[in-house]
C-alpha atoms as a PDB file:
ATOM      1  CA  MET A   1     -92.931 152.743-109.883  1.00  0.00           C
ATOM      2  CA  ASN A   2     -91.432 149.350-110.778  1.00  0.00           C
ATOM      3  CA  TYR A   3     -90.470 150.339-114.317  1.00  0.00           C
ATOM      4  CA  THR A   4     -87.172 151.916-115.343  1.00  0.00           C
ATOM      5  CA  PRO A   5     -87.227 154.245-118.366  1.00  0.00           C
ATOM      6  CA  LYS A   6     -86.112 151.415-120.653  1.00  0.00           C
ATOM      7  CA  MET A   7     -88.707 149.011-119.280  1.00  0.00           C
ATOM      8  CA  LEU A   8     -91.438 151.594-119.763  1.00  0.00           C
ATOM      9  CA  LYS A   9     -90.270 152.380-123.307  1.00  0.00           C
ATOM     10  CA  ASP A  10     -90.362 148.670-124.142  1.00  0.00           C
ATOM     11  CA  TYR A  11     -93.885 148.449-122.725  1.00  0.00           C
ATOM     12  CA  LEU A  12     -95.000 151.423-124.818  1.00  0.00           C
ATOM     13  CA  ALA A  13     -93.349 150.030-127.959  1.00  0.00           C
ATOM     14  CA  ASN A  14     -95.344 146.837-127.547  1.00  0.00           C
ATOM     15  CA  LEU A  15     -98.490 148.990-127.586  1.00  0.00           C
ATOM     16  CA  GLY A  16     -97.328 150.839-130.694  1.00  0.00           C
ATOM     17  CA  GLU A  17     -96.815 154.053-128.706  1.00  0.00           C
ATOM     18  CA  LYS A  18     -93.998 156.543-129.267  1.00  0.00           C
ATOM     19  CA  SER A  19     -91.047 156.377-126.873  1.00  0.00           C
ATOM     20  CA  PHE A  20     -91.451 160.030-125.790  1.00  0.00           C
ATOM     21  CA  LYS A  21     -94.578 158.954-123.903  1.00  0.00           C
ATOM     22  CA  GLN A  22     -92.235 157.444-121.320  1.00  0.00           C
ATOM     23  CA  THR A  23     -90.924 160.919-120.500  1.00  0.00           C
ATOM     24  CA  GLN A  24     -94.453 162.268-120.175  1.00  0.00           C
ATOM     25  CA  ILE A  25     -95.477 159.447-117.813  1.00  0.00           C
ATOM     26  CA  TYR A  26     -92.337 159.915-115.709  1.00  0.00           C
ATOM     27  CA  GLU A  27     -93.004 163.640-115.457  1.00  0.00           C
ATOM     28  CA  TRP A  28     -96.519 163.015-114.132  1.00  0.00           C
ATOM     29  CA  LEU A  29     -95.347 160.465-111.587  1.00  0.00           C
ATOM     30  CA  TYR A  30     -92.051 161.863-110.340  1.00  0.00           C
ATOM     31  CA  GLN A  31     -92.072 165.587-111.148  1.00  0.00           C
ATOM     32  CA  LYS A  32     -95.755 166.542-110.793  1.00  0.00           C
ATOM     33  CA  LYS A  33     -96.502 163.819-108.236  1.00  0.00           C
ATOM     34  CA  VAL A  34     -99.828 162.904-109.857  1.00  0.00           C
ATOM     35  CA  TYR A  35    -100.933 159.331-109.201  1.00  0.00           C
ATOM     36  CA  ASP A  36    -104.177 159.134-111.171  1.00  0.00           C
ATOM     37  CA  PHE A  37    -103.807 157.958-114.774  1.00  0.00           C
ATOM     38  CA  ASP A  38    -107.005 159.797-115.741  1.00  0.00           C
ATOM     39  CA  LYS A  39    -105.265 163.078-114.895  1.00  0.00           C
ATOM     40  CA  PHE A  40    -102.384 162.495-117.335  1.00  0.00           C
ATOM     41  CA  SER A  41    -103.809 165.168-119.632  1.00  0.00           C
ATOM     42  CA  ASN A  42    -101.227 164.852-122.419  1.00  0.00           C
ATOM     43  CA  VAL A  43    -101.663 161.072-122.598  1.00  0.00           C
ATOM     44  CA  SER A  44    -104.322 159.630-124.888  1.00  0.00           C
ATOM     45  CA  LYS A  45    -107.430 158.014-123.399  1.00  0.00           C
ATOM     46  CA  THR A  46    -106.435 154.746-125.059  1.00  0.00           C
ATOM     47  CA  LEU A  47    -103.043 154.741-123.348  1.00  0.00           C
ATOM     48  CA  GLN A  48    -104.627 155.791-120.054  1.00  0.00           C
ATOM     49  CA  GLU A  49    -106.843 152.714-120.235  1.00  0.00           C
ATOM     50  CA  HIS A  50    -103.861 150.472-120.908  1.00  0.00           C
ATOM     51  CA  LEU A  51    -102.024 151.981-117.934  1.00  0.00           C
ATOM     52  CA  LYS A  52    -105.019 151.452-115.661  1.00  0.00           C
ATOM     53  CA  GLN A  53    -105.339 147.876-116.824  1.00  0.00           C
ATOM     54  CA  ASP A  54    -101.663 146.947-116.509  1.00  0.00           C
ATOM     55  CA  PHE A  55    -100.496 148.999-113.514  1.00  0.00           C
ATOM     56  CA  ASN A  56    -101.729 150.185-110.156  1.00  0.00           C
ATOM     57  CA  LEU A  57    -100.572 153.154-108.162  1.00  0.00           C
ATOM     58  CA  ASP A  58    -101.273 151.790-104.689  1.00  0.00           C
ATOM     59  CA  PHE A  59     -98.702 153.136-102.252  1.00  0.00           C
ATOM     60  CA  ILE A  60     -97.111 151.696 -99.173  1.00  0.00           C
ATOM     61  CA  LYS A  61     -98.200 153.634 -96.072  1.00  0.00           C
ATOM     62  CA  ILE A  62     -96.413 155.583 -93.358  1.00  0.00           C
ATOM     63  CA  GLU A  63     -97.611 153.975 -90.134  1.00  0.00           C
ATOM     64  CA  GLN A  64     -95.459 155.819 -87.585  1.00  0.00           C
ATOM     65  CA  VAL A  65     -92.891 158.619 -87.432  1.00  0.00           C
ATOM     66  CA  LEU A  66     -90.480 159.005 -84.524  1.00  0.00           C
ATOM     67  CA  GLU A  67     -88.494 162.213 -84.264  1.00  0.00           C
ATOM     68  CA  GLY A  68     -85.175 163.019 -82.642  1.00  0.00           C
ATOM     69  CA  PRO A  69     -82.545 165.739 -83.067  1.00  0.00           C
ATOM     70  CA  LEU A  70     -81.793 166.023 -86.816  1.00  0.00           C
ATOM     71  CA  VAL A  71     -83.408 162.647 -87.507  1.00  0.00           C
ATOM     72  CA  LYS A  72     -86.801 161.078 -88.220  1.00  0.00           C
ATOM     73  CA  LYS A  73     -87.535 157.350 -88.352  1.00  0.00           C
ATOM     74  CA  PHE A  74     -90.392 156.186 -90.570  1.00  0.00           C
ATOM     75  CA  LEU A  75     -92.209 152.892 -90.102  1.00  0.00           C
ATOM     76  CA  PHE A  76     -93.903 151.783 -93.317  1.00  0.00           C
ATOM     77  CA  ARG A  77     -96.644 149.203 -93.759  1.00  0.00           C
ATOM     78  CA  LEU A  78     -96.395 147.420 -97.103  1.00  0.00           C
ATOM     79  CA  LEU A  79     -99.414 146.348 -99.115  1.00  0.00           C
ATOM     80  CA  ASP A  80     -99.101 142.758 -97.844  1.00  0.00           C
ATOM     81  CA  GLY A  81     -98.934 143.920 -94.212  1.00  0.00           C
ATOM     82  CA  GLU A  82     -95.178 143.535 -93.763  1.00  0.00           C
ATOM     83  CA  LYS A  83     -93.266 146.418 -92.177  1.00  0.00           C
ATOM     84  CA  ILE A  84     -89.977 148.160 -92.881  1.00  0.00           C
ATOM     85  CA  GLU A  85     -88.207 151.286 -91.672  1.00  0.00           C
ATOM     86  CA  ALA A  86     -86.297 154.176 -93.219  1.00  0.00           C
ATOM     87  CA  VAL A  87     -84.435 157.065 -91.623  1.00  0.00           C
ATOM     88  CA  LEU A  88     -84.222 160.732 -92.618  1.00  0.00           C
ATOM     89  CA  MET A  89     -81.084 162.586 -91.499  1.00  0.00           C
ATOM     90  CA  GLU A  90     -80.329 166.300 -91.668  1.00  0.00           C
ATOM     91  CA  HIS A  91     -76.744 167.089 -92.655  1.00  0.00           C
ATOM     92  CA  ASP A  92     -75.061 170.378 -93.419  1.00  0.00           C
ATOM     93  CA  TYR A  93     -74.904 169.244 -97.075  1.00  0.00           C
ATOM     94  CA  GLY A  94     -78.605 168.373 -97.340  1.00  0.00           C
ATOM     95  CA  LEU A  95     -81.201 165.760 -96.444  1.00  0.00           C
ATOM     96  CA  SER A  96     -80.253 162.094 -96.597  1.00  0.00           C
ATOM     97  CA  VAL A  97     -82.532 159.063 -96.445  1.00  0.00           C
ATOM     98  CA  CYS A  98     -81.387 155.592 -95.438  1.00  0.00           C
ATOM     99  CA  VAL A  99     -83.760 153.158 -97.161  1.00  0.00           C
ATOM    100  CA  SER A 100     -84.446 149.460 -96.588  1.00  0.00           C
ATOM    101  CA  SER A 101     -84.073 146.868 -99.354  1.00  0.00           C
ATOM    102  CA  GLN A 102     -85.610 143.740 -97.801  1.00  0.00           C
ATOM    103  CA  VAL A 103     -88.111 142.619 -95.185  1.00  0.00           C
ATOM    104  CA  GLY A 104     -85.669 141.066 -92.741  1.00  0.00           C
ATOM    105  CA  CYS A 105     -82.129 139.979 -93.618  1.00  0.00           C
ATOM    106  CA  ASN A 106     -80.386 136.633 -94.046  1.00  0.00           C
ATOM    107  CA  MET A 107     -76.812 137.845 -93.538  1.00  0.00           C
ATOM    108  CA  GLY A 108     -76.959 137.231 -89.787  1.00  0.00           C
ATOM    109  CA  CYS A 109     -74.326 139.746 -88.666  1.00  0.00           C
ATOM    110  CA  ARG A 110     -74.152 139.063 -84.929  1.00  0.00           C
ATOM    111  CA  PHE A 111     -74.176 142.715 -83.865  1.00  0.00           C
ATOM    112  CA  CYS A 112     -77.071 143.881 -86.047  1.00  0.00           C
ATOM    113  CA  GLU A 113     -80.647 144.275 -84.799  1.00  0.00           C
ATOM    114  CA  SER A 114     -82.025 144.353 -88.345  1.00  0.00           C
ATOM    115  CA  GLY A 115     -80.892 140.796 -89.013  1.00  0.00           C
ATOM    116  CA  ARG A 116     -82.672 139.249 -86.051  1.00  0.00           C
ATOM    117  CA  LEU A 117     -85.678 138.790 -88.312  1.00  0.00           C
ATOM    118  CA  LYS A 118     -84.711 136.411 -91.117  1.00  0.00           C
ATOM    119  CA  LYS A 119     -85.492 137.555 -94.632  1.00  0.00           C
ATOM    120  CA  VAL A 120     -89.182 137.318 -95.429  1.00  0.00           C
ATOM    121  CA  ARG A 121     -88.807 138.643 -98.960  1.00  0.00           C
ATOM    122  CA  ASN A 122     -87.079 141.181-101.166  1.00  0.00           C
ATOM    123  CA  LEU A 123     -88.639 144.594-101.543  1.00  0.00           C
ATOM    124  CA  GLU A 124     -89.987 145.355-105.007  1.00  0.00           C
ATOM    125  CA  THR A 125     -88.500 148.347-106.804  1.00  0.00           C
ATOM    126  CA  TYR A 126     -91.585 150.489-106.157  1.00  0.00           C
ATOM    127  CA  GLU A 127     -91.457 149.750-102.417  1.00  0.00           C
ATOM    128  CA  ILE A 128     -87.957 151.213-102.228  1.00  0.00           C
ATOM    129  CA  VAL A 129     -88.743 154.213-104.448  1.00  0.00           C
ATOM    130  CA  GLU A 130     -91.883 155.010-102.465  1.00  0.00           C
ATOM    131  CA  GLN A 131     -89.926 155.282 -99.218  1.00  0.00           C
ATOM    132  CA  ILE A 132     -88.293 158.400-100.668  1.00  0.00           C
ATOM    133  CA  ILE A 133     -91.455 159.791-102.281  1.00  0.00           C
ATOM    134  CA  LEU A 134     -93.489 159.462 -99.085  1.00  0.00           C
ATOM    135  CA  ILE A 135     -90.782 160.999 -96.919  1.00  0.00           C
ATOM    136  CA  GLU A 136     -90.478 163.950 -99.309  1.00  0.00           C
ATOM    137  CA  GLU A 137     -94.241 164.362 -99.212  1.00  0.00           C
ATOM    138  CA  TYR A 138     -94.236 164.212 -95.398  1.00  0.00           C
ATOM    139  CA  ILE A 139     -91.501 166.814 -94.892  1.00  0.00           C
ATOM    140  CA  LYS A 140     -92.411 168.951 -97.956  1.00  0.00           C
ATOM    141  CA  MET A 141     -88.748 169.101 -98.912  1.00  0.00           C
ATOM    142  CA  ARG A 142     -86.514 167.413-101.452  1.00  0.00           C
ATOM    143  CA  ILE A 143     -84.167 164.563-100.575  1.00  0.00           C
ATOM    144  CA  SER A 144     -80.651 165.173-101.891  1.00  0.00           C
ATOM    145  CA  HIS A 145     -78.811 162.012-100.786  1.00  0.00           C
ATOM    146  CA  VAL A 146     -79.781 158.343-100.530  1.00  0.00           C
ATOM    147  CA  VAL A 147     -78.008 155.491 -98.789  1.00  0.00           C
ATOM    148  CA  VAL A 148     -79.154 151.885 -99.162  1.00  0.00           C
ATOM    149  CA  MET A 149     -78.100 150.774 -95.682  1.00  0.00           C
ATOM    150  CA  GLY A 150     -81.393 150.044 -93.939  1.00  0.00           C
ATOM    151  CA  ILE A 151     -82.962 146.660 -93.320  1.00  0.00           C
ATOM    152  CA  GLY A 152     -81.613 143.985 -95.649  1.00  0.00           C
ATOM    153  CA  GLU A 153     -78.550 143.264 -97.794  1.00  0.00           C
ATOM    154  CA  PRO A 154     -78.946 145.351-100.975  1.00  0.00           C
ATOM    155  CA  PHE A 155     -76.917 143.018-103.193  1.00  0.00           C
ATOM    156  CA  ASP A 156     -79.115 140.120-102.094  1.00  0.00           C
ATOM    157  CA  ASN A 157     -81.866 142.047-103.902  1.00  0.00           C
ATOM    158  CA  TYR A 158     -79.606 143.127-106.735  1.00  0.00           C
ATOM    159  CA  ASN A 159     -81.971 143.578-109.695  1.00  0.00           C
ATOM    160  CA  ASN A 160     -84.514 145.617-107.748  1.00  0.00           C
ATOM    161  CA  ILE A 161     -81.754 147.805-106.299  1.00  0.00           C
ATOM    162  CA  ILE A 162     -80.323 148.490-109.752  1.00  0.00           C
ATOM    163  CA  ASN A 163     -83.796 149.397-111.033  1.00  0.00           C
ATOM    164  CA  PHE A 164     -84.354 151.604-107.972  1.00  0.00           C
ATOM    165  CA  VAL A 165     -81.114 153.520-108.529  1.00  0.00           C
ATOM    166  CA  THR A 166     -81.898 153.898-112.241  1.00  0.00           C
ATOM    167  CA  ILE A 167     -85.288 155.460-111.436  1.00  0.00           C
ATOM    168  CA  ILE A 168     -84.199 157.843-108.688  1.00  0.00           C
ATOM    169  CA  ASN A 169     -81.143 158.936-110.692  1.00  0.00           C
ATOM    170  CA  ASP A 170     -83.078 159.592-113.921  1.00  0.00           C
ATOM    171  CA  ALA A 171     -83.493 163.277-114.809  1.00  0.00           C
ATOM    172  CA  LYS A 172     -87.247 162.792-115.161  1.00  0.00           C
ATOM    173  CA  GLY A 173     -87.379 160.485-112.153  1.00  0.00           C
ATOM    174  CA  LEU A 174     -86.340 161.770-108.730  1.00  0.00           C
ATOM    175  CA  ALA A 175     -83.190 163.330-110.262  1.00  0.00           C
ATOM    176  CA  ILE A 176     -80.893 162.395-107.368  1.00  0.00           C
ATOM    177  CA  GLY A 177     -77.280 162.615-108.531  1.00  0.00           C
ATOM    178  CA  SER A 178     -75.428 159.324-108.799  1.00  0.00           C
ATOM    179  CA  ARG A 179     -72.603 160.598-106.594  1.00  0.00           C
ATOM    180  CA  HIS A 180     -75.238 161.288-103.930  1.00  0.00           C
ATOM    181  CA  ILE A 181     -76.298 157.620-103.866  1.00  0.00           C
ATOM    182  CA  THR A 182     -74.470 155.009-101.790  1.00  0.00           C
ATOM    183  CA  ILE A 183     -75.053 151.261-101.752  1.00  0.00           C
ATOM    184  CA  SER A 184     -73.704 149.238 -98.830  1.00  0.00           C
ATOM    185  CA  THR A 185     -72.923 145.520 -98.901  1.00  0.00           C
ATOM    186  CA  CYS A 186     -71.494 143.131 -96.332  1.00  0.00           C
ATOM    187  CA  GLY A 187     -69.431 141.559 -99.100  1.00  0.00           C
ATOM    188  CA  LEU A 188     -71.382 139.571-101.698  1.00  0.00           C
ATOM    189  CA  VAL A 189     -68.411 139.229-104.025  1.00  0.00           C
ATOM    190  CA  PRO A 190     -70.189 138.095-107.227  1.00  0.00           C
ATOM    191  CA  LYS A 191     -72.548 141.069-107.058  1.00  0.00           C
ATOM    192  CA  ILE A 192     -69.697 143.522-106.402  1.00  0.00           C
ATOM    193  CA  LYS A 193     -68.077 142.182-109.566  1.00  0.00           C
ATOM    194  CA  GLU A 194     -71.332 142.610-111.459  1.00  0.00           C
ATOM    195  CA  PHE A 195     -71.826 146.111-110.056  1.00  0.00           C
ATOM    196  CA  MET A 196     -68.382 147.243-111.182  1.00  0.00           C
ATOM    197  CA  THR A 197     -69.314 146.592-114.834  1.00  0.00           C
ATOM    198  CA  LEU A 198     -72.081 149.229-114.822  1.00  0.00           C
ATOM    199  CA  ASP A 199     -69.771 152.233-115.249  1.00  0.00           C
ATOM    200  CA  TRP A 200     -71.791 154.226-112.719  1.00  0.00           C
ATOM    201  CA  GLN A 201     -70.720 157.021-110.388  1.00  0.00           C
ATOM    202  CA  VAL A 202     -72.749 155.526-107.523  1.00  0.00           C
ATOM    203  CA  ASN A 203     -70.788 155.101-104.288  1.00  0.00           C
ATOM    204  CA  LEU A 204     -69.961 151.662-102.882  1.00  0.00           C
ATOM    205  CA  ALA A 205     -69.599 151.002 -99.150  1.00  0.00           C
ATOM    206  CA  ILE A 206     -68.311 147.741 -97.696  1.00  0.00           C
ATOM    207  CA  SER A 207     -69.362 146.613 -94.231  1.00  0.00           C
ATOM    208  CA  LEU A 208     -66.004 145.171 -93.206  1.00  0.00           C
ATOM    209  CA  HIS A 209     -66.049 145.390 -89.389  1.00  0.00           C
ATOM    210  CA  ALA A 210     -62.987 143.161 -88.858  1.00  0.00           C
ATOM    211  CA  PRO A 211     -59.310 143.131 -89.891  1.00  0.00           C
ATOM    212  CA  THR A 212     -58.863 139.336 -89.830  1.00  0.00           C
ATOM    213  CA  ASN A 213     -60.754 136.236 -90.928  1.00  0.00           C
ATOM    214  CA  GLU A 214     -60.730 134.992 -87.348  1.00  0.00           C
ATOM    215  CA  ILE A 215     -62.674 137.985 -86.044  1.00  0.00           C
ATOM    216  CA  ARG A 216     -64.897 138.371 -89.102  1.00  0.00           C
ATOM    217  CA  ASN A 217     -65.932 134.705 -89.024  1.00  0.00           C
ATOM    218  CA  LYS A 218     -67.209 135.208 -85.480  1.00  0.00           C
ATOM    219  CA  ILE A 219     -69.347 138.257 -86.156  1.00  0.00           C
ATOM    220  CA  MET A 220     -70.236 138.013 -89.882  1.00  0.00           C
ATOM    221  CA  PRO A 221     -71.300 134.619 -91.289  1.00  0.00           C
ATOM    222  CA  VAL A 222     -70.860 135.909 -94.858  1.00  0.00           C
ATOM    223  CA  ASN A 223     -67.107 135.715 -94.309  1.00  0.00           C
ATOM    224  CA  GLN A 224     -67.317 131.934 -94.303  1.00  0.00           C
ATOM    225  CA  VAL A 225     -68.544 132.135 -97.906  1.00  0.00           C
ATOM    226  CA  TYR A 226     -66.481 135.081 -99.150  1.00  0.00           C
ATOM    227  CA  SER A 227     -63.403 135.311 -96.965  1.00  0.00           C
ATOM    228  CA  LEU A 228     -61.623 138.540 -96.138  1.00  0.00           C
ATOM    229  CA  ASP A 229     -58.778 137.967 -98.602  1.00  0.00           C
ATOM    230  CA  ILE A 230     -61.247 137.313-101.441  1.00  0.00           C
ATOM    231  CA  LEU A 231     -63.247 140.397-100.486  1.00  0.00           C
ATOM    232  CA  ILE A 232     -60.166 142.652-100.319  1.00  0.00           C
ATOM    233  CA  ASP A 233     -58.969 141.383-103.715  1.00  0.00           C
ATOM    234  CA  THR A 234     -62.420 142.185-105.124  1.00  0.00           C
ATOM    235  CA  ILE A 235     -62.361 145.696-103.649  1.00  0.00           C
ATOM    236  CA  LYS A 236     -58.954 146.267-105.242  1.00  0.00           C
ATOM    237  CA  GLU A 237     -60.340 145.037-108.553  1.00  0.00           C
ATOM    238  CA  TYR A 238     -63.334 147.363-108.184  1.00  0.00           C
ATOM    239  CA  ILE A 239     -61.105 150.377-107.475  1.00  0.00           C
ATOM    240  CA  ALA A 240     -58.820 149.580-110.416  1.00  0.00           C
ATOM    241  CA  LYS A 241     -61.738 149.186-112.815  1.00  0.00           C
ATOM    242  CA  THR A 242     -63.892 152.121-111.689  1.00  0.00           C
ATOM    243  CA  ASN A 243     -61.237 154.504-110.346  1.00  0.00           C
ATOM    244  CA  ARG A 244     -63.627 155.213-107.505  1.00  0.00           C
ATOM    245  CA  ARG A 245     -62.954 155.368-103.785  1.00  0.00           C
ATOM    246  CA  VAL A 246     -64.643 152.784-101.586  1.00  0.00           C
ATOM    247  CA  THR A 247     -65.985 153.443 -98.100  1.00  0.00           C
ATOM    248  CA  ILE A 248     -65.005 150.865 -95.476  1.00  0.00           C
ATOM    249  CA  GLU A 249     -67.552 150.681 -92.670  1.00  0.00           C
ATOM    250  CA  TYR A 250     -66.190 149.491 -89.346  1.00  0.00           C
ATOM    251  CA  VAL A 251     -68.455 149.214 -86.308  1.00  0.00           C
ATOM    252  CA  MET A 252     -66.548 149.530 -83.033  1.00  0.00           C
ATOM    253  CA  LEU A 253     -67.306 146.572 -80.736  1.00  0.00           C
ATOM    254  CA  ASN A 254     -65.771 146.680 -77.280  1.00  0.00           C
ATOM    255  CA  MET A 255     -62.933 144.137 -76.874  1.00  0.00           C
ATOM    256  CA  VAL A 256     -63.962 142.374 -80.099  1.00  0.00           C
ATOM    257  CA  ASN A 257     -62.444 144.353 -82.970  1.00  0.00           C
ATOM    258  CA  ASP A 258     -61.237 147.561 -81.316  1.00  0.00           C
ATOM    259  CA  LYS A 259     -57.828 146.610 -79.910  1.00  0.00           C
ATOM    260  CA  GLU A 260     -54.608 148.341 -80.920  1.00  0.00           C
ATOM    261  CA  GLU A 261     -53.465 145.229 -82.788  1.00  0.00           C
ATOM    262  CA  ASP A 262     -56.763 145.271 -84.696  1.00  0.00           C
ATOM    263  CA  ALA A 263     -56.082 148.832 -85.825  1.00  0.00           C
ATOM    264  CA  GLU A 264     -52.582 147.854 -86.916  1.00  0.00           C
ATOM    265  CA  ALA A 265     -53.958 144.845 -88.816  1.00  0.00           C
ATOM    266  CA  LEU A 266     -56.611 146.992 -90.511  1.00  0.00           C
ATOM    267  CA  ALA A 267     -54.026 149.568 -91.550  1.00  0.00           C
ATOM    268  CA  LYS A 268     -51.856 146.820 -93.054  1.00  0.00           C
ATOM    269  CA  LEU A 269     -54.861 145.302 -94.830  1.00  0.00           C
ATOM    270  CA  LEU A 270     -55.881 148.600 -96.455  1.00  0.00           C
ATOM    271  CA  LYS A 271     -52.434 150.058 -97.113  1.00  0.00           C
ATOM    272  CA  GLY A 272     -52.204 151.754-100.499  1.00  0.00           C
ATOM    273  CA  MET A 273     -55.900 151.301-101.332  1.00  0.00           C
ATOM    274  CA  ASN A 274     -58.166 154.178-102.414  1.00  0.00           C
ATOM    275  CA  VAL A 275     -60.517 153.814 -99.462  1.00  0.00           C
ATOM    276  CA  TYR A 276     -61.635 155.733 -96.475  1.00  0.00           C
ATOM    277  CA  VAL A 277     -62.627 154.117 -93.210  1.00  0.00           C
ATOM    278  CA  ASN A 278     -65.774 155.150 -91.388  1.00  0.00           C
ATOM    279  CA  LEU A 279     -65.518 154.143 -87.728  1.00  0.00           C
ATOM    280  CA  ILE A 280     -69.029 153.612 -86.348  1.00  0.00           C
ATOM    281  CA  PRO A 281     -69.657 153.813 -82.597  1.00  0.00           C
ATOM    282  CA  TYR A 282     -71.786 150.737 -81.877  1.00  0.00           C
ATOM    283  CA  ASN A 283     -75.442 151.265 -81.000  1.00  0.00           C
ATOM    284  CA  GLU A 284     -76.319 148.831 -78.232  1.00  0.00           C
ATOM    285  CA  THR A 285     -79.688 147.062 -78.175  1.00  0.00           C
ATOM    286  CA  ALA A 286     -81.467 145.039 -75.505  1.00  0.00           C
ATOM    287  CA  HIS A 287     -81.383 141.830 -77.554  1.00  0.00           C
ATOM    288  CA  ILE A 288     -77.668 141.673 -78.428  1.00  0.00           C
ATOM    289  CA  GLU A 289     -74.738 141.238 -76.060  1.00  0.00           C
ATOM    290  CA  PHE A 290     -72.136 143.374 -77.855  1.00  0.00           C
ATOM    291  CA  LYS A 291     -71.079 146.615 -76.186  1.00  0.00           C
ATOM    292  CA  ARG A 292     -69.901 149.944 -77.560  1.00  0.00           C
ATOM    293  CA  SER A 293     -66.208 150.733 -77.535  1.00  0.00           C
ATOM    294  CA  SER A 294     -65.280 153.593 -75.250  1.00  0.00           C
ATOM    295  CA  LYS A 295     -64.447 156.974 -76.734  1.00  0.00           C
ATOM    296  CA  GLU A 296     -60.862 156.449 -75.606  1.00  0.00           C
ATOM    297  CA  ARG A 297     -60.579 153.147 -77.510  1.00  0.00           C
ATOM    298  CA  ILE A 298     -62.222 154.615 -80.621  1.00  0.00           C
ATOM    299  CA  ASP A 299     -59.889 157.626 -80.550  1.00  0.00           C
ATOM    300  CA  LYS A 300     -56.835 155.390 -80.129  1.00  0.00           C
ATOM    301  CA  PHE A 301     -57.978 153.198 -83.030  1.00  0.00           C
ATOM    302  CA  PHE A 302     -58.536 156.332 -85.136  1.00  0.00           C
ATOM    303  CA  ASN A 303     -55.083 157.691 -84.336  1.00  0.00           C
ATOM    304  CA  ILE A 304     -53.350 154.441 -85.282  1.00  0.00           C
ATOM    305  CA  LEU A 305     -55.035 154.465 -88.684  1.00  0.00           C
ATOM    306  CA  LYS A 306     -54.102 158.143 -89.158  1.00  0.00           C
ATOM    307  CA  LYS A 307     -50.503 157.334 -88.253  1.00  0.00           C
ATOM    308  CA  HIS A 308     -50.466 154.806 -91.096  1.00  0.00           C
ATOM    309  CA  LYS A 309     -51.940 157.433 -93.463  1.00  0.00           C
ATOM    310  CA  ILE A 310     -55.323 155.720 -93.777  1.00  0.00           C
ATOM    311  CA  ASN A 311     -58.160 158.149 -94.525  1.00  0.00           C
ATOM    312  CA  VAL A 312     -60.503 157.743 -91.577  1.00  0.00           C
ATOM    313  CA  THR A 313     -63.478 159.459 -89.955  1.00  0.00           C
ATOM    314  CA  ILE A 314     -65.650 158.737 -86.929  1.00  0.00           C
ATOM    315  CA  ARG A 315     -69.284 158.649 -87.956  1.00  0.00           C
ATOM    316  CA  LYS A 316     -71.529 161.359 -86.581  1.00  0.00           C
ATOM    317  CA  GLU A 317     -74.255 159.688 -84.564  1.00  0.00           C
ATOM    318  CA  PHE A 318     -77.911 159.967 -85.488  1.00  0.00           C
ATOM    319  CA  GLY A 319     -81.067 158.620 -83.943  1.00  0.00           C
ATOM    320  CA  GLY A 320     -79.850 156.377 -81.140  1.00  0.00           C
ATOM    321  CA  ASN A 321     -82.559 157.728 -78.835  1.00  0.00           C
ATOM    322  CA  ILE A 322     -85.308 156.548 -81.222  1.00  0.00           C
ATOM    323  CA  LYS A 323     -83.581 153.313 -82.310  1.00  0.00           C
ATOM    324  CA  ALA A 324     -82.937 154.812 -85.731  1.00  0.00           C
ATOM    325  CA  ALA A 325     -79.164 154.512 -85.668  1.00  0.00           C
ATOM    326  CA  CYS A 326     -76.964 152.187 -87.683  1.00  0.00           C
ATOM    327  CA  GLY A 327     -77.818 148.555 -86.946  1.00  0.00           C
ATOM    328  CA  GLN A 328     -80.959 149.349 -84.948  1.00  0.00           C
ATOM    329  CA  LEU A 329     -83.665 149.239 -87.613  1.00  0.00           C
ATOM    330  CA  ARG A 330     -86.259 146.504 -87.417  1.00  0.00           C
ATOM    331  CA  SER A 331     -88.953 145.126 -89.697  1.00  0.00           C
ATOM    332  CA  GLU A 332     -91.431 145.231 -86.837  1.00  0.00           C
ATOM    333  CA  SER A 333     -92.959 148.039 -84.822  1.00  0.00           C
ATOM    334  CA  ASP A 334     -92.102 146.607 -81.412  1.00  0.00           C
END
């Protein structure tokens, strides 16, 4: 599950095998869901032995499932004993899974529960892919949409994320359409620049959460490395190069970033850009002091952005009752 089609073809070429064997192996793994090399009936015994010698098909494990209205939260135990979480959401357009990319997170966003545990390590490609496979197996249904917005900063695990997307998007892999895949970043500028060179149709979301450097510095340490003006210039460059719309995520924190002047500043910042803003009602946790903006303040903020002709929505809430909502995922079971 760690190998992209190209990586697997290169492996097979080194063995003197034909490249079409890659397609056969992918079909067994991702289409037929067979995880025993001895059962790959159209693969030679010699190649089966090589596969058994060079790869293992040990899976991460589902340790716990919590269920709420239209949502399920999965706690996974990794092979080394570490834990991560993923969330399944039912939408009118299909089933979406929010996957994790790291054990812990080093970005340190002040309002985020996931970042309270510092990064232990990056997830390997297979550990991200298997979150989807195991959830599909559990629910006996196909996942149509994937968002990389769980525990961790995806672009801090860039190579594994790119391999993950390549595998799940491949026609013989999980065959999830590229426009149904979204990667979220808090603003790692060099990786956004690298990502824009791929000529993909994958969606990009930016966790902005503040309209000024002053506010962003207080709640998002990454802003002290890649300031708001640098990030906005990079988003503009991305839009110009890819001709793709960018989602701006904005969590609503009471009396922190939700004032009328903040809405005006955000509208000015994003004026003329091909973006849409997703206002996220904050999900409070016992360990963090930030509070949710009132519905009145969120609606007023929304209306100011609409007045300035900024495309904006208020995110539908999922999973707050089982701590599965945005910013609530943990790498631990407690």
